[in-house]
């Protein structure tokens, strides 16, 4: 079972930037789908971005043009570059993944969720 460890969270002012990292204990190249989700206090977990092994990427409408998901398969690390942050981006950010791609596997899309999760990293944006 894969272990995921997020880092890079912190407190910044609105308009600032942060780069989140997610280190995986097993090779990311073999994982069909990786993603970032977030959860604000009192709200459910929502998808932010996904990336699959073919390089297909999906972003939530709320972050399009501001966030960029990427991965380094040499370092087995997933990244989320967040620019032009707003107070609405305040949340705990979670890295998620699935296993190797199986026959009949659901597409790597936010609406289908992930199977494994990290413990999260807190992002706090002040006005």
C-alpha atoms as a PDB file:
ATOM      1  CA  UNK A   1       0.000   0.000   0.000  1.00  0.00           C
ATOM      2  CA  UNK A   2       1.349   3.396  -0.968  1.00  0.00           C
ATOM      3  CA  UNK A   3       2.114   6.089   1.568  1.00  0.00           C
ATOM      4  CA  UNK A   4       1.705   9.730   0.605  1.00  0.00           C
ATOM      5  CA  UNK A   5       3.268  12.627   2.502  1.00  0.00           C
ATOM      6  CA  UNK A   6       2.273  16.189   1.673  1.00  0.00           C
ATOM      7  CA  UNK A   7       4.376  19.262   2.431  1.00  0.00           C
ATOM      8  CA  UNK A   8       4.636  22.914   1.460  1.00  0.00           C
ATOM      9  CA  UNK A   9       1.575  24.297   3.158  1.00  0.00           C
ATOM     10  CA  UNK A  10       1.690  27.506   5.151  1.00  0.00           C
ATOM     11  CA  UNK A  11       0.261  30.975   5.601  1.00  0.00           C
ATOM     12  CA  UNK A  12       0.469  33.594   2.876  1.00  0.00           C
ATOM     13  CA  UNK A  13      -1.403  36.729   1.974  1.00  0.00           C
ATOM     14  CA  UNK A  14      -3.960  36.856  -0.802  1.00  0.00           C
ATOM     15  CA  UNK A  15      -2.277  37.186  -4.157  1.00  0.00           C
ATOM     16  CA  UNK A  16       0.683  35.117  -3.063  1.00  0.00           C
ATOM     17  CA  UNK A  17       1.895  31.703  -4.172  1.00  0.00           C
ATOM     18  CA  UNK A  18       2.662  28.327  -2.636  1.00  0.00           C
ATOM     19  CA  UNK A  19       4.001  25.073  -4.037  1.00  0.00           C
ATOM     20  CA  UNK A  20       2.753  21.864  -2.482  1.00  0.00           C
ATOM     21  CA  UNK A  21       4.613  18.571  -2.760  1.00  0.00           C
ATOM     22  CA  UNK A  22       3.464  14.996  -2.248  1.00  0.00           C
ATOM     23  CA  UNK A  23       6.104  12.318  -1.831  1.00  0.00           C
ATOM     24  CA  UNK A  24       4.948   8.793  -2.675  1.00  0.00           C
ATOM     25  CA  UNK A  25       6.503   5.675  -1.175  1.00  0.00           C
ATOM     26  CA  UNK A  26       6.110   3.743  -4.448  1.00  0.00           C
ATOM     27  CA  UNK A  27       6.951   4.835  -8.012  1.00  0.00           C
ATOM     28  CA  UNK A  28       4.495   7.415  -9.304  1.00  0.00           C
ATOM     29  CA  UNK A  29       5.169   6.266 -12.858  1.00  0.00           C
ATOM     30  CA  UNK A  30       3.224   3.084 -12.135  1.00  0.00           C
ATOM     31  CA  UNK A  31       0.238   4.895 -10.735  1.00  0.00           C
ATOM     32  CA  UNK A  32      -2.512   5.557 -13.224  1.00  0.00           C
ATOM     33  CA  UNK A  33      -3.955   8.580 -11.511  1.00  0.00           C
ATOM     34  CA  UNK A  34      -2.805  11.147  -8.986  1.00  0.00           C
ATOM     35  CA  UNK A  35      -4.674  14.122  -7.652  1.00  0.00           C
ATOM     36  CA  UNK A  36      -4.988  16.996  -5.244  1.00  0.00           C
ATOM     37  CA  UNK A  37      -8.137  17.506  -3.218  1.00  0.00           C
ATOM     38  CA  UNK A  38      -8.880  20.027  -0.480  1.00  0.00           C
ATOM     39  CA  UNK A  39     -11.209  20.428   2.457  1.00  0.00           C
ATOM     40  CA  UNK A  40     -12.194  23.674   4.146  1.00  0.00           C
ATOM     41  CA  UNK A  41     -13.592  23.786   7.686  1.00  0.00           C
ATOM     42  CA  UNK A  42     -17.231  22.767   7.663  1.00  0.00           C
ATOM     43  CA  UNK A  43     -17.160  21.651   4.037  1.00  0.00           C
ATOM     44  CA  UNK A  44     -16.739  18.381   2.231  1.00  0.00           C
ATOM     45  CA  UNK A  45     -13.603  17.350   0.381  1.00  0.00           C
ATOM     46  CA  UNK A  46     -13.463  18.792  -3.122  1.00  0.00           C
ATOM     47  CA  UNK A  47     -11.270  17.956  -6.053  1.00  0.00           C
ATOM     48  CA  UNK A  48      -8.652  20.440  -7.206  1.00  0.00           C
ATOM     49  CA  UNK A  49      -6.737  18.716 -10.002  1.00  0.00           C
ATOM     50  CA  UNK A  50      -5.914  15.297 -11.432  1.00  0.00           C
ATOM     51  CA  UNK A  51      -3.155  13.963 -13.672  1.00  0.00           C
ATOM     52  CA  UNK A  52      -2.887  10.540 -15.302  1.00  0.00           C
ATOM     53  CA  UNK A  53      -0.035   8.548 -16.804  1.00  0.00           C
ATOM     54  CA  UNK A  54      -0.896   9.786 -20.301  1.00  0.00           C
ATOM     55  CA  UNK A  55      -0.441  13.369 -19.144  1.00  0.00           C
ATOM     56  CA  UNK A  56      -4.147  14.194 -19.182  1.00  0.00           C
ATOM     57  CA  UNK A  57      -4.982  16.883 -16.637  1.00  0.00           C
ATOM     58  CA  UNK A  58      -8.232  18.102 -15.158  1.00  0.00           C
ATOM     59  CA  UNK A  59      -8.719  21.202 -13.006  1.00  0.00           C
ATOM     60  CA  UNK A  60     -11.655  22.340 -10.937  1.00  0.00           C
ATOM     61  CA  UNK A  61     -13.180  25.487 -12.397  1.00  0.00           C
ATOM     62  CA  UNK A  62     -12.291  27.418  -9.259  1.00  0.00           C
ATOM     63  CA  UNK A  63      -8.546  26.964  -9.786  1.00  0.00           C
ATOM     64  CA  UNK A  64      -8.183  26.996 -13.572  1.00  0.00           C
ATOM     65  CA  UNK A  65      -5.542  29.461 -14.701  1.00  0.00           C
ATOM     66  CA  UNK A  66      -4.100  29.766 -11.192  1.00  0.00           C
ATOM     67  CA  UNK A  67      -3.016  26.247 -10.180  1.00  0.00           C
ATOM     68  CA  UNK A  68      -0.735  23.824 -12.015  1.00  0.00           C
ATOM     69  CA  UNK A  69      -0.421  20.112 -11.250  1.00  0.00           C
ATOM     70  CA  UNK A  70       2.715  18.223 -12.253  1.00  0.00           C
ATOM     71  CA  UNK A  71       4.707  15.184 -11.253  1.00  0.00           C
ATOM     72  CA  UNK A  72       8.332  14.115 -11.192  1.00  0.00           C
ATOM     73  CA  UNK A  73       8.509  10.355 -11.752  1.00  0.00           C
ATOM     74  CA  UNK A  74      12.226  10.272 -10.931  1.00  0.00           C
ATOM     75  CA  UNK A  75      11.577  11.719  -7.481  1.00  0.00           C
ATOM     76  CA  UNK A  76       8.168  10.011  -7.127  1.00  0.00           C
ATOM     77  CA  UNK A  77       6.674  13.347  -6.211  1.00  0.00           C
ATOM     78  CA  UNK A  78       3.478  15.144  -7.156  1.00  0.00           C
ATOM     79  CA  UNK A  79       3.350  18.942  -7.127  1.00  0.00           C
ATOM     80  CA  UNK A  80       0.736  21.660  -7.032  1.00  0.00           C
ATOM     81  CA  UNK A  81       1.861  25.168  -7.917  1.00  0.00           C
ATOM     82  CA  UNK A  82      -0.696  27.644  -6.598  1.00  0.00           C
ATOM     83  CA  UNK A  83      -0.610  31.255  -7.754  1.00  0.00           C
ATOM     84  CA  UNK A  84      -2.807  34.278  -7.140  1.00  0.00           C
ATOM     85  CA  UNK A  85      -4.208  32.683  -4.006  1.00  0.00           C
ATOM     86  CA  UNK A  86      -7.434  33.936  -2.467  1.00  0.00           C
ATOM     87  CA  UNK A  87      -9.026  33.451   0.946  1.00  0.00           C
ATOM     88  CA  UNK A  88     -11.336  30.876  -0.678  1.00  0.00           C
ATOM     89  CA  UNK A  89      -8.282  28.661  -1.199  1.00  0.00           C
ATOM     90  CA  UNK A  90      -7.824  28.253   2.561  1.00  0.00           C
ATOM     91  CA  UNK A  91      -8.090  24.529   3.256  1.00  0.00           C
ATOM     92  CA  UNK A  92      -6.250  21.372   4.105  1.00  0.00           C
ATOM     93  CA  UNK A  93      -4.857  19.970   0.867  1.00  0.00           C
ATOM     94  CA  UNK A  94      -4.684  16.220   0.346  1.00  0.00           C
ATOM     95  CA  UNK A  95      -2.732  14.189  -2.155  1.00  0.00           C
ATOM     96  CA  UNK A  96      -4.535  11.154  -3.530  1.00  0.00           C
ATOM     97  CA  UNK A  97      -3.809   8.291  -5.881  1.00  0.00           C
ATOM     98  CA  UNK A  98      -4.999   4.977  -7.222  1.00  0.00           C
ATOM     99  CA  UNK A  99      -3.056   1.853  -8.037  1.00  0.00           C
ATOM    100  CA  UNK A 100      -1.891   0.656 -11.451  1.00  0.00           C
ATOM    101  CA  UNK A 101      -4.393   1.032 -14.262  1.00  0.00           C
ATOM    102  CA  UNK A 102      -6.696  -1.966 -14.409  1.00  0.00           C
ATOM    103  CA  UNK A 103      -9.106  -3.155 -17.089  1.00  0.00           C
ATOM    104  CA  UNK A 104     -12.306  -1.233 -16.614  1.00  0.00           C
ATOM    105  CA  UNK A 105     -10.619   1.394 -14.470  1.00  0.00           C
ATOM    106  CA  UNK A 106     -12.646   4.557 -14.203  1.00  0.00           C
ATOM    107  CA  UNK A 107     -11.153   7.618 -15.891  1.00  0.00           C
ATOM    108  CA  UNK A 108      -8.778   9.765 -13.888  1.00  0.00           C
ATOM    109  CA  UNK A 109     -11.285  12.469 -13.101  1.00  0.00           C
ATOM    110  CA  UNK A 110     -12.175  14.339  -9.954  1.00  0.00           C
ATOM    111  CA  UNK A 111     -15.699  12.905  -9.869  1.00  0.00           C
ATOM    112  CA  UNK A 112     -14.420   9.306  -9.564  1.00  0.00           C
ATOM    113  CA  UNK A 113     -12.222   9.964  -6.539  1.00  0.00           C
ATOM    114  CA  UNK A 114      -9.027   8.309  -5.334  1.00  0.00           C
ATOM    115  CA  UNK A 115      -8.240   5.172  -3.338  1.00  0.00           C
ATOM    116  CA  UNK A 116      -5.316   6.265  -1.186  1.00  0.00           C
ATOM    117  CA  UNK A 117      -4.758   9.520   0.675  1.00  0.00           C
ATOM    118  CA  UNK A 118      -2.079  11.430   2.501  1.00  0.00           C
ATOM    119  CA  UNK A 119      -2.668  13.149   5.823  1.00  0.00           C
ATOM    120  CA  UNK A 120      -2.837  16.642   4.355  1.00  0.00           C
ATOM    121  CA  UNK A 121      -1.050  19.959   4.548  1.00  0.00           C
ATOM    122  CA  UNK A 122      -2.732  23.150   5.745  1.00  0.00           C
ATOM    123  CA  UNK A 123      -2.911  26.229   3.532  1.00  0.00           C
ATOM    124  CA  UNK A 124      -4.092  29.465   5.112  1.00  0.00           C
ATOM    125  CA  UNK A 125      -4.625  32.567   3.009  1.00  0.00           C
ATOM    126  CA  UNK A 126      -5.121  35.892   4.733  1.00  0.00           C
ATOM    127  CA  UNK A 127      -6.658  39.018   3.229  1.00  0.00           C
END
